[in-house]
Amino acid sequence: MKIYELSSYKDVLSNFKLEGEELFIYRHGSFNCKRLIFRDANTVIKLMDEYDPNALETEDKKFILSNSNKEVLCYICHSWEDNPSIFVYGDDNIAFQTDCFI
């Protein structure tokens, strides 16, 4: 039986207004969201280039520079427990490694 075939199945209306960090935390779950401190930009870019030399676009590097040595809100994807991907609020399209943070 498919989930949508259940007699009790109905959509949930989202009539609330979340924005910014609250929406980010809501989407990813508070258990998965933590505040971490970025390493300095040069170190982060070097680490990311070691992982994949073509991973970072110019805009990605600007994002890293603007958050260098700052505390940032992150979503930690626990799919790979030993080496989770970490996505930072503001540009959650870049999967950072744990070495990119202090």
PDB file of N, CA and C in Angstrom:
ATOM      1  N   MET A   1       0.847  -1.177   0.000  1.00  0.00           N
ATOM      2  CA  MET A   1       0.000   0.000   0.000  1.00  0.00           C
ATOM      3  C   MET A   1       0.893   1.240   0.000  1.00  0.00           C
ATOM      4  N   LYS A   2       0.556   2.185  -0.791  1.00  0.00           N
ATOM      5  CA  LYS A   2       1.277   3.455  -0.860  1.00  0.00           C
ATOM      6  C   LYS A   2       0.777   4.375   0.246  1.00  0.00           C
ATOM      7  N   ILE A   3       1.660   5.252   0.707  1.00  0.00           N
ATOM      8  CA  ILE A   3       1.300   6.154   1.815  1.00  0.00           C
ATOM      9  C   ILE A   3       0.086   7.008   1.463  1.00  0.00           C
ATOM     10  N   TYR A   4       0.001   7.474   0.230  1.00  0.00           N
ATOM     11  CA  TYR A   4      -1.118   8.337  -0.155  1.00  0.00           C
ATOM     12  C   TYR A   4      -2.429   7.576  -0.322  1.00  0.00           C
ATOM     13  N   GLU A   5      -2.387   6.258  -0.241  1.00  0.00           N
ATOM     14  CA  GLU A   5      -3.599   5.453  -0.315  1.00  0.00           C
ATOM     15  C   GLU A   5      -4.267   5.279   1.059  1.00  0.00           C
ATOM     16  N   LEU A   6      -3.593   5.676   2.107  1.00  0.00           N
ATOM     17  CA  LEU A   6      -4.175   5.568   3.447  1.00  0.00           C
ATOM     18  C   LEU A   6      -5.369   6.514   3.560  1.00  0.00           C
ATOM     19  N   SER A   7      -6.390   6.086   4.230  1.00  0.00           N
ATOM     20  CA  SER A   7      -7.601   6.906   4.344  1.00  0.00           C
ATOM     21  C   SER A   7      -7.377   8.175   5.157  1.00  0.00           C
ATOM     22  N   SER A   8      -6.377   8.164   6.032  1.00  0.00           N
ATOM     23  CA  SER A   8      -6.125   9.340   6.865  1.00  0.00           C
ATOM     24  C   SER A   8      -5.157  10.339   6.222  1.00  0.00           C
ATOM     25  N   TYR A   9      -4.679  10.031   5.031  1.00  0.00           N
ATOM     26  CA  TYR A   9      -3.680  10.863   4.352  1.00  0.00           C
ATOM     27  C   TYR A   9      -4.267  12.206   3.927  1.00  0.00           C
ATOM     28  N   LYS A  10      -3.653  13.295   4.373  1.00  0.00           N
ATOM     29  CA  LYS A  10      -4.019  14.625   3.886  1.00  0.00           C
ATOM     30  C   LYS A  10      -2.837  15.571   4.080  1.00  0.00           C
ATOM     31  N   ASP A  11      -2.760  16.562   3.237  1.00  0.00           N
ATOM     32  CA  ASP A  11      -1.668  17.527   3.286  1.00  0.00           C
ATOM     33  C   ASP A  11      -1.780  18.411   4.516  1.00  0.00           C
ATOM     34  N   VAL A  12      -0.643  18.880   4.985  1.00  0.00           N
ATOM     35  CA  VAL A  12      -0.586  19.803   6.103  1.00  0.00           C
ATOM     36  C   VAL A  12      -0.396  21.199   5.533  1.00  0.00           C
ATOM     37  N   LEU A  13      -1.237  22.097   5.953  1.00  0.00           N
ATOM     38  CA  LEU A  13      -1.114  23.471   5.492  1.00  0.00           C
ATOM     39  C   LEU A  13      -0.024  24.173   6.294  1.00  0.00           C
ATOM     40  N   SER A  14       0.783  24.916   5.591  1.00  0.00           N
ATOM     41  CA  SER A  14       1.822  25.682   6.283  1.00  0.00           C
ATOM     42  C   SER A  14       1.424  27.147   6.269  1.00  0.00           C
ATOM     43  N   ASN A  15       0.720  27.546   7.293  1.00  0.00           N
ATOM     44  CA  ASN A  15       0.242  28.920   7.362  1.00  0.00           C
ATOM     45  C   ASN A  15       1.044  29.743   8.368  1.00  0.00           C
ATOM     46  N   PHE A  16       2.314  29.422   8.494  1.00  0.00           N
ATOM     47  CA  PHE A  16       3.184  30.163   9.386  1.00  0.00           C
ATOM     48  C   PHE A  16       4.224  30.916   8.555  1.00  0.00           C
ATOM     49  N   LYS A  17       4.851  31.893   9.170  1.00  0.00           N
ATOM     50  CA  LYS A  17       5.823  32.716   8.466  1.00  0.00           C
ATOM     51  C   LYS A  17       7.172  32.628   9.177  1.00  0.00           C
ATOM     52  N   LEU A  18       8.041  31.766   8.669  1.00  0.00           N
ATOM     53  CA  LEU A  18       9.397  31.681   9.178  1.00  0.00           C
ATOM     54  C   LEU A  18      10.332  32.276   8.137  1.00  0.00           C
ATOM     55  N   GLU A  19      11.353  32.973   8.607  1.00  0.00           N
ATOM     56  CA  GLU A  19      12.303  33.584   7.684  1.00  0.00           C
ATOM     57  C   GLU A  19      13.711  33.421   8.230  1.00  0.00           C
ATOM     58  N   GLY A  20      14.680  33.619   7.378  1.00  0.00           N
ATOM     59  CA  GLY A  20      16.076  33.646   7.772  1.00  0.00           C
ATOM     60  C   GLY A  20      16.545  32.391   8.473  1.00  0.00           C
ATOM     61  N   GLU A  21      17.272  32.603   9.577  1.00  0.00           N
ATOM     62  CA  GLU A  21      17.836  31.485  10.320  1.00  0.00           C
ATOM     63  C   GLU A  21      16.761  30.556  10.872  1.00  0.00           C
ATOM     64  N   GLU A  22      15.621  31.108  11.284  1.00  0.00           N
ATOM     65  CA  GLU A  22      14.545  30.260  11.814  1.00  0.00           C
ATOM     66  C   GLU A  22      14.053  29.273  10.756  1.00  0.00           C
ATOM     67  N   LEU A  23      13.908  29.735   9.526  1.00  0.00           N
ATOM     68  CA  LEU A  23      13.478  28.859   8.431  1.00  0.00           C
ATOM     69  C   LEU A  23      14.545  27.806   8.140  1.00  0.00           C
ATOM     70  N   PHE A  24      15.815  28.202   8.138  1.00  0.00           N
ATOM     71  CA  PHE A  24      16.923  27.277   7.920  1.00  0.00           C
ATOM     72  C   PHE A  24      16.902  26.166   8.966  1.00  0.00           C
ATOM     73  N   ILE A  25      16.750  26.541  10.237  1.00  0.00           N
ATOM     74  CA  ILE A  25      16.705  25.555  11.319  1.00  0.00           C
ATOM     75  C   ILE A  25      15.466  24.679  11.196  1.00  0.00           C
ATOM     76  N   TYR A  26      14.331  25.254  10.846  1.00  0.00           N
ATOM     77  CA  TYR A  26      13.098  24.485  10.676  1.00  0.00           C
ATOM     78  C   TYR A  26      13.261  23.439   9.572  1.00  0.00           C
ATOM     79  N   ARG A  27      13.848  23.846   8.452  1.00  0.00           N
ATOM     80  CA  ARG A  27      14.013  22.928   7.316  1.00  0.00           C
ATOM     81  C   ARG A  27      14.937  21.762   7.631  1.00  0.00           C
ATOM     82  N   HIS A  28      16.002  22.035   8.393  1.00  0.00           N
ATOM     83  CA  HIS A  28      17.018  21.009   8.629  1.00  0.00           C
ATOM     84  C   HIS A  28      16.919  20.346   9.995  1.00  0.00           C
ATOM     85  N   GLY A  29      16.136  20.899  10.891  1.00  0.00           N
ATOM     86  CA  GLY A  29      15.957  20.326  12.221  1.00  0.00           C
ATOM     87  C   GLY A  29      16.980  20.866  13.204  1.00  0.00           C
ATOM     88  N   SER A  30      16.527  21.209  14.383  1.00  0.00           N
ATOM     89  CA  SER A  30      17.427  21.816  15.375  1.00  0.00           C
ATOM     90  C   SER A  30      18.524  20.851  15.820  1.00  0.00           C
ATOM     91  N   PHE A  31      18.262  19.547  15.777  1.00  0.00           N
ATOM     92  CA  PHE A  31      19.291  18.569  16.136  1.00  0.00           C
ATOM     93  C   PHE A  31      20.466  18.638  15.174  1.00  0.00           C
ATOM     94  N   ASN A  32      20.187  18.907  13.908  1.00  0.00           N
ATOM     95  CA  ASN A  32      21.219  18.923  12.870  1.00  0.00           C
ATOM     96  C   ASN A  32      21.886  20.282  12.690  1.00  0.00           C
ATOM     97  N   CYS A  33      21.370  21.313  13.316  1.00  0.00           N
ATOM     98  CA  CYS A  33      21.917  22.666  13.147  1.00  0.00           C
ATOM     99  C   CYS A  33      22.764  23.045  14.353  1.00  0.00           C
ATOM    100  N   LYS A  34      23.953  23.525  14.061  1.00  0.00           N
ATOM    101  CA  LYS A  34      24.893  23.931  15.104  1.00  0.00           C
ATOM    102  C   LYS A  34      25.571  25.223  14.661  1.00  0.00           C
ATOM    103  N   ARG A  35      26.154  25.921  15.612  1.00  0.00           N
ATOM    104  CA  ARG A  35      26.970  27.095  15.307  1.00  0.00           C
ATOM    105  C   ARG A  35      28.430  26.664  15.385  1.00  0.00           C
ATOM    106  N   LEU A  36      29.158  26.906  14.299  1.00  0.00           N
ATOM    107  CA  LEU A  36      30.570  26.556  14.218  1.00  0.00           C
ATOM    108  C   LEU A  36      31.356  27.783  13.793  1.00  0.00           C
ATOM    109  N   ILE A  37      32.657  27.756  14.019  1.00  0.00           N
ATOM    110  CA  ILE A  37      33.513  28.862  13.604  1.00  0.00           C
ATOM    111  C   ILE A  37      34.335  28.422  12.396  1.00  0.00           C
ATOM    112  N   PHE A  38      34.202  29.201  11.319  1.00  0.00           N
ATOM    113  CA  PHE A  38      34.993  28.959  10.111  1.00  0.00           C
ATOM    114  C   PHE A  38      36.469  29.183  10.411  1.00  0.00           C
ATOM    115  N   ARG A  39      37.322  28.416   9.807  1.00  0.00           N
ATOM    116  CA  ARG A  39      38.752  28.720   9.824  1.00  0.00           C
ATOM    117  C   ARG A  39      38.970  29.939   8.935  1.00  0.00           C
ATOM    118  N   ASP A  40      40.213  30.392   8.855  1.00  0.00           N
ATOM    119  CA  ASP A  40      40.477  31.540   7.989  1.00  0.00           C
ATOM    120  C   ASP A  40      40.240  31.138   6.527  1.00  0.00           C
ATOM    121  N   ALA A  41      39.895  32.107   5.718  1.00  0.00           N
ATOM    122  CA  ALA A  41      39.462  31.861   4.335  1.00  0.00           C
ATOM    123  C   ALA A  41      40.503  31.099   3.521  1.00  0.00           C
ATOM    124  N   ASN A  42      41.783  31.460   3.662  1.00  0.00           N
ATOM    125  CA  ASN A  42      42.829  30.783   2.883  1.00  0.00           C
ATOM    126  C   ASN A  42      42.886  29.296   3.194  1.00  0.00           C
ATOM    127  N   THR A  43      42.757  28.956   4.467  1.00  0.00           N
ATOM    128  CA  THR A  43      42.771  27.547   4.868  1.00  0.00           C
ATOM    129  C   THR A  43      41.560  26.812   4.316  1.00  0.00           C
ATOM    130  N   VAL A  44      40.391  27.427   4.418  1.00  0.00           N
ATOM    131  CA  VAL A  44      39.163  26.790   3.916  1.00  0.00           C
ATOM    132  C   VAL A  44      39.253  26.562   2.409  1.00  0.00           C
ATOM    133  N   ILE A  45      39.679  27.569   1.683  1.00  0.00           N
ATOM    134  CA  ILE A  45      39.783  27.439   0.219  1.00  0.00           C
ATOM    135  C   ILE A  45      40.808  26.369  -0.147  1.00  0.00           C
ATOM    136  N   LYS A  46      41.937  26.335   0.564  1.00  0.00           N
ATOM    137  CA  LYS A  46      42.965  25.323   0.308  1.00  0.00           C
ATOM    138  C   LYS A  46      42.416  23.915   0.550  1.00  0.00           C
ATOM    139  N   LEU A  47      41.716  23.732   1.677  1.00  0.00           N
ATOM    140  CA  LEU A  47      41.128  22.427   1.990  1.00  0.00           C
ATOM    141  C   LEU A  47      40.100  22.002   0.947  1.00  0.00           C
ATOM    142  N   MET A  48      39.277  22.942   0.526  1.00  0.00           N
ATOM    143  CA  MET A  48      38.248  22.629  -0.478  1.00  0.00           C
ATOM    144  C   MET A  48      38.883  22.300  -1.828  1.00  0.00           C
ATOM    145  N   ASP A  49      39.977  22.996  -2.174  1.00  0.00           N
ATOM    146  CA  ASP A  49      40.671  22.714  -3.434  1.00  0.00           C
ATOM    147  C   ASP A  49      41.337  21.343  -3.414  1.00  0.00           C
ATOM    148  N   GLU A  50      41.819  20.917  -2.238  1.00  0.00           N
ATOM    149  CA  GLU A  50      42.398  19.578  -2.110  1.00  0.00           C
ATOM    150  C   GLU A  50      41.333  18.517  -2.344  1.00  0.00           C
ATOM    151  N   TYR A  51      40.137  18.781  -1.858  1.00  0.00           N
ATOM    152  CA  TYR A  51      39.021  17.837  -2.000  1.00  0.00           C
ATOM    153  C   TYR A  51      38.552  17.768  -3.451  1.00  0.00           C
ATOM    154  N   ASP A  52      38.368  18.932  -4.069  1.00  0.00           N
ATOM    155  CA  ASP A  52      37.951  19.014  -5.473  1.00  0.00           C
ATOM    156  C   ASP A  52      38.388  20.375  -6.022  1.00  0.00           C
ATOM    157  N   PRO A  53      39.401  20.397  -6.880  1.00  0.00           N
ATOM    158  CA  PRO A  53      39.937  21.660  -7.393  1.00  0.00           C
ATOM    159  C   PRO A  53      38.911  22.521  -8.139  1.00  0.00           C
ATOM    160  N   ASN A  54      37.849  21.936  -8.623  1.00  0.00           N
ATOM    161  CA  ASN A  54      36.847  22.677  -9.387  1.00  0.00           C
ATOM    162  C   ASN A  54      35.568  22.945  -8.606  1.00  0.00           C
ATOM    163  N   ALA A  55      35.605  22.689  -7.314  1.00  0.00           N
ATOM    164  CA  ALA A  55      34.376  22.779  -6.504  1.00  0.00           C
ATOM    165  C   ALA A  55      33.903  24.207  -6.273  1.00  0.00           C
ATOM    166  N   LEU A  56      34.826  25.142  -6.144  1.00  0.00           N
ATOM    167  CA  LEU A  56      34.449  26.499  -5.748  1.00  0.00           C
ATOM    168  C   LEU A  56      34.408  27.471  -6.920  1.00  0.00           C
ATOM    169  N   GLU A  57      33.295  28.150  -7.032  1.00  0.00           N
ATOM    170  CA  GLU A  57      33.150  29.235  -8.001  1.00  0.00           C
ATOM    171  C   GLU A  57      33.611  30.531  -7.332  1.00  0.00           C
ATOM    172  N   THR A  58      33.703  31.610  -8.100  1.00  0.00           N
ATOM    173  CA  THR A  58      34.099  32.908  -7.558  1.00  0.00           C
ATOM    174  C   THR A  58      33.161  33.349  -6.445  1.00  0.00           C
ATOM    175  N   GLU A  59      31.851  33.168  -6.634  1.00  0.00           N
ATOM    176  CA  GLU A  59      30.870  33.556  -5.601  1.00  0.00           C
ATOM    177  C   GLU A  59      31.061  32.749  -4.323  1.00  0.00           C
ATOM    178  N   ASP A  60      31.422  31.473  -4.470  1.00  0.00           N
ATOM    179  CA  ASP A  60      31.665  30.635  -3.299  1.00  0.00           C
ATOM    180  C   ASP A  60      32.863  31.150  -2.503  1.00  0.00           C
ATOM    181  N   LYS A  61      33.900  31.546  -3.211  1.00  0.00           N
ATOM    182  CA  LYS A  61      35.096  32.071  -2.546  1.00  0.00           C
ATOM    183  C   LYS A  61      34.791  33.392  -1.841  1.00  0.00           C
ATOM    184  N   LYS A  62      33.950  34.216  -2.447  1.00  0.00           N
ATOM    185  CA  LYS A  62      33.540  35.467  -1.801  1.00  0.00           C
ATOM    186  C   LYS A  62      32.764  35.172  -0.520  1.00  0.00           C
ATOM    187  N   PHE A  63      31.903  34.153  -0.571  1.00  0.00           N
ATOM    188  CA  PHE A  63      31.136  33.747   0.611  1.00  0.00           C
ATOM    189  C   PHE A  63      32.080  33.299   1.719  1.00  0.00           C
ATOM    190  N   ILE A  64      33.087  32.518   1.370  1.00  0.00           N
ATOM    191  CA  ILE A  64      34.059  32.039   2.350  1.00  0.00           C
ATOM    192  C   ILE A  64      34.835  33.218   2.944  1.00  0.00           C
ATOM    193  N   LEU A  65      35.261  34.145   2.094  1.00  0.00           N
ATOM    194  CA  LEU A  65      35.988  35.325   2.570  1.00  0.00           C
ATOM    195  C   LEU A  65      35.147  36.152   3.528  1.00  0.00           C
ATOM    196  N   SER A  66      33.882  36.311   3.232  1.00  0.00           N
ATOM    197  CA  SER A  66      33.015  37.137   4.080  1.00  0.00           C
ATOM    198  C   SER A  66      32.729  36.478   5.429  1.00  0.00           C
ATOM    199  N   ASN A  67      32.921  35.165   5.521  1.00  0.00           N
ATOM    200  CA  ASN A  67      32.656  34.449   6.778  1.00  0.00           C
ATOM    201  C   ASN A  67      33.921  33.931   7.454  1.00  0.00           C
ATOM    202  N   SER A  68      35.078  34.344   6.962  1.00  0.00           N
ATOM    203  CA  SER A  68      36.359  33.906   7.505  1.00  0.00           C
ATOM    204  C   SER A  68      36.458  34.223   9.000  1.00  0.00           C
ATOM    205  N   ASN A  69      36.815  33.212   9.777  1.00  0.00           N
ATOM    206  CA  ASN A  69      36.995  33.336  11.236  1.00  0.00           C
ATOM    207  C   ASN A  69      35.737  33.784  11.973  1.00  0.00           C
ATOM    208  N   LYS A  70      34.575  33.573  11.398  1.00  0.00           N
ATOM    209  CA  LYS A  70      33.317  33.970  12.039  1.00  0.00           C
ATOM    210  C   LYS A  70      32.516  32.742  12.454  1.00  0.00           C
ATOM    211  N   GLU A  71      31.675  32.961  13.460  1.00  0.00           N
ATOM    212  CA  GLU A  71      30.723  31.929  13.863  1.00  0.00           C
ATOM    213  C   GLU A  71      29.581  31.921  12.862  1.00  0.00           C
ATOM    214  N   VAL A  72      29.252  30.741  12.354  1.00  0.00           N
ATOM    215  CA  VAL A  72      28.198  30.614  11.346  1.00  0.00           C
ATOM    216  C   VAL A  72      27.208  29.526  11.743  1.00  0.00           C
ATOM    217  N   LEU A  73      25.985  29.667  11.294  1.00  0.00           N
ATOM    218  CA  LEU A  73      24.953  28.653  11.504  1.00  0.00           C
ATOM    219  C   LEU A  73      25.118  27.581  10.439  1.00  0.00           C
ATOM    220  N   CYS A  74      25.177  26.331  10.871  1.00  0.00           N
ATOM    221  CA  CYS A  74      25.436  25.225   9.951  1.00  0.00           C
ATOM    222  C   CYS A  74      24.398  24.120  10.093  1.00  0.00           C
ATOM    223  N   TYR A  75      24.206  23.414   8.992  1.00  0.00           N
ATOM    224  CA  TYR A  75      23.431  22.176   8.977  1.00  0.00           C
ATOM    225  C   TYR A  75      24.427  21.049   8.768  1.00  0.00           C
ATOM    226  N   ILE A  76      24.454  20.105   9.693  1.00  0.00           N
ATOM    227  CA  ILE A  76      25.385  18.988   9.607  1.00  0.00           C
ATOM    228  C   ILE A  76      24.631  17.764   9.081  1.00  0.00           C
ATOM    229  N   CYS A  77      24.987  17.345   7.890  1.00  0.00           N
ATOM    230  CA  CYS A  77      24.362  16.180   7.265  1.00  0.00           C
ATOM    231  C   CYS A  77      25.091  14.936   7.763  1.00  0.00           C
ATOM    232  N   HIS A  78      24.409  14.118   8.516  1.00  0.00           N
ATOM    233  CA  HIS A  78      25.027  12.973   9.171  1.00  0.00           C
ATOM    234  C   HIS A  78      25.047  11.715   8.309  1.00  0.00           C
ATOM    235  N   SER A  79      24.864  11.851   7.005  1.00  0.00           N
ATOM    236  CA  SER A  79      24.868  10.675   6.132  1.00  0.00           C
ATOM    237  C   SER A  79      26.191   9.929   6.213  1.00  0.00           C
ATOM    238  N   TRP A  80      27.265  10.678   6.295  1.00  0.00           N
ATOM    239  CA  TRP A  80      28.592  10.089   6.447  1.00  0.00           C
ATOM    240  C   TRP A  80      29.073  10.453   7.848  1.00  0.00           C
ATOM    241  N   GLU A  81      28.935   9.548   8.806  1.00  0.00           N
ATOM    242  CA  GLU A  81      29.223   9.857  10.207  1.00  0.00           C
ATOM    243  C   GLU A  81      30.671  10.274  10.445  1.00  0.00           C
ATOM    244  N   ASP A  82      31.617   9.614   9.789  1.00  0.00           N
ATOM    245  CA  ASP A  82      33.021   9.936  10.017  1.00  0.00           C
ATOM    246  C   ASP A  82      33.430  11.237   9.343  1.00  0.00           C
ATOM    247  N   ASN A  83      32.756  11.601   8.283  1.00  0.00           N
ATOM    248  CA  ASN A  83      33.112  12.806   7.539  1.00  0.00           C
ATOM    249  C   ASN A  83      31.845  13.465   7.008  1.00  0.00           C
ATOM    250  N   PRO A  84      31.060  14.084   7.905  1.00  0.00           N
ATOM    251  CA  PRO A  84      29.776  14.653   7.465  1.00  0.00           C
ATOM    252  C   PRO A  84      29.960  15.881   6.579  1.00  0.00           C
ATOM    253  N   SER A  85      29.015  16.102   5.713  1.00  0.00           N
ATOM    254  CA  SER A  85      28.978  17.331   4.928  1.00  0.00           C
ATOM    255  C   SER A  85      28.338  18.402   5.796  1.00  0.00           C
ATOM    256  N   ILE A  86      28.885  19.610   5.729  1.00  0.00           N
ATOM    257  CA  ILE A  86      28.380  20.709   6.532  1.00  0.00           C
ATOM    258  C   ILE A  86      27.981  21.842   5.606  1.00  0.00           C
ATOM    259  N   PHE A  87      26.737  22.265   5.719  1.00  0.00           N
ATOM    260  CA  PHE A  87      26.202  23.334   4.881  1.00  0.00           C
ATOM    261  C   PHE A  87      25.987  24.571   5.741  1.00  0.00           C
ATOM    262  N   VAL A  88      26.425  25.718   5.241  1.00  0.00           N
ATOM    263  CA  VAL A  88      26.395  26.953   6.012  1.00  0.00           C
ATOM    264  C   VAL A  88      25.226  27.822   5.570  1.00  0.00           C
ATOM    265  N   TYR A  89      24.514  28.373   6.561  1.00  0.00           N
ATOM    266  CA  TYR A  89      23.415  29.299   6.274  1.00  0.00           C
ATOM    267  C   TYR A  89      23.946  30.478   5.466  1.00  0.00           C
ATOM    268  N   GLY A  90      23.219  30.844   4.459  1.00  0.00           N
ATOM    269  CA  GLY A  90      23.609  31.948   3.579  1.00  0.00           C
ATOM    270  C   GLY A  90      23.965  31.436   2.207  1.00  0.00           C
ATOM    271  N   ASP A  91      24.581  30.252   2.154  1.00  0.00           N
ATOM    272  CA  ASP A  91      24.866  29.586   0.879  1.00  0.00           C
ATOM    273  C   ASP A  91      24.947  28.101   1.166  1.00  0.00           C
ATOM    274  N   ASP A  92      23.796  27.473   1.255  1.00  0.00           N
ATOM    275  CA  ASP A  92      23.787  26.057   1.624  1.00  0.00           C
ATOM    276  C   ASP A  92      23.899  25.127   0.422  1.00  0.00           C
ATOM    277  N   ASN A  93      24.576  25.597  -0.635  1.00  0.00           N
ATOM    278  CA  ASN A  93      24.847  24.752  -1.792  1.00  0.00           C
ATOM    279  C   ASN A  93      26.260  24.202  -1.772  1.00  0.00           C
ATOM    280  N   ILE A  94      27.076  24.639  -0.816  1.00  0.00           N
ATOM    281  CA  ILE A  94      28.464  24.185  -0.729  1.00  0.00           C
ATOM    282  C   ILE A  94      28.568  23.189   0.429  1.00  0.00           C
ATOM    283  N   ALA A  95      29.072  22.009   0.136  1.00  0.00           N
ATOM    284  CA  ALA A  95      29.272  20.992   1.182  1.00  0.00           C
ATOM    285  C   ALA A  95      30.688  21.120   1.725  1.00  0.00           C
ATOM    286  N   PHE A  96      30.822  21.702   2.920  1.00  0.00           N
ATOM    287  CA  PHE A  96      32.126  21.854   3.548  1.00  0.00           C
ATOM    288  C   PHE A  96      32.457  20.606   4.355  1.00  0.00           C
ATOM    289  N   GLN A  97      33.741  20.386   4.567  1.00  0.00           N
ATOM    290  CA  GLN A  97      34.209  19.278   5.391  1.00  0.00           C
ATOM    291  C   GLN A  97      34.463  19.795   6.811  1.00  0.00           C
ATOM    292  N   THR A  98      34.539  18.882   7.766  1.00  0.00           N
ATOM    293  CA  THR A  98      34.738  19.289   9.157  1.00  0.00           C
ATOM    294  C   THR A  98      36.047  20.042   9.356  1.00  0.00           C
ATOM    295  N   ASP A  99      37.069  19.773   8.558  1.00  0.00           N
ATOM    296  CA  ASP A  99      38.358  20.453   8.683  1.00  0.00           C
ATOM    297  C   ASP A  99      38.273  21.950   8.400  1.00  0.00           C
ATOM    298  N   CYS A 100      37.196  22.408   7.786  1.00  0.00           N
ATOM    299  CA  CYS A 100      37.032  23.814   7.458  1.00  0.00           C
ATOM    300  C   CYS A 100      36.601  24.663   8.674  1.00  0.00           C
ATOM    301  N   PHE A 101      36.375  23.991   9.798  1.00  0.00           N
ATOM    302  CA  PHE A 101      35.891  24.682  10.999  1.00  0.00           C
ATOM    303  C   PHE A 101      36.821  24.417  12.171  1.00  0.00           C
ATOM    304  N   ILE A 102      36.796  25.325  13.140  1.00  0.00           N
ATOM    305  CA  ILE A 102      37.611  25.173  14.347  1.00  0.00           C
ATOM    306  C   ILE A 102      36.853  24.304  15.331  1.00  0.00           C
TER     307      ILE A 102
END
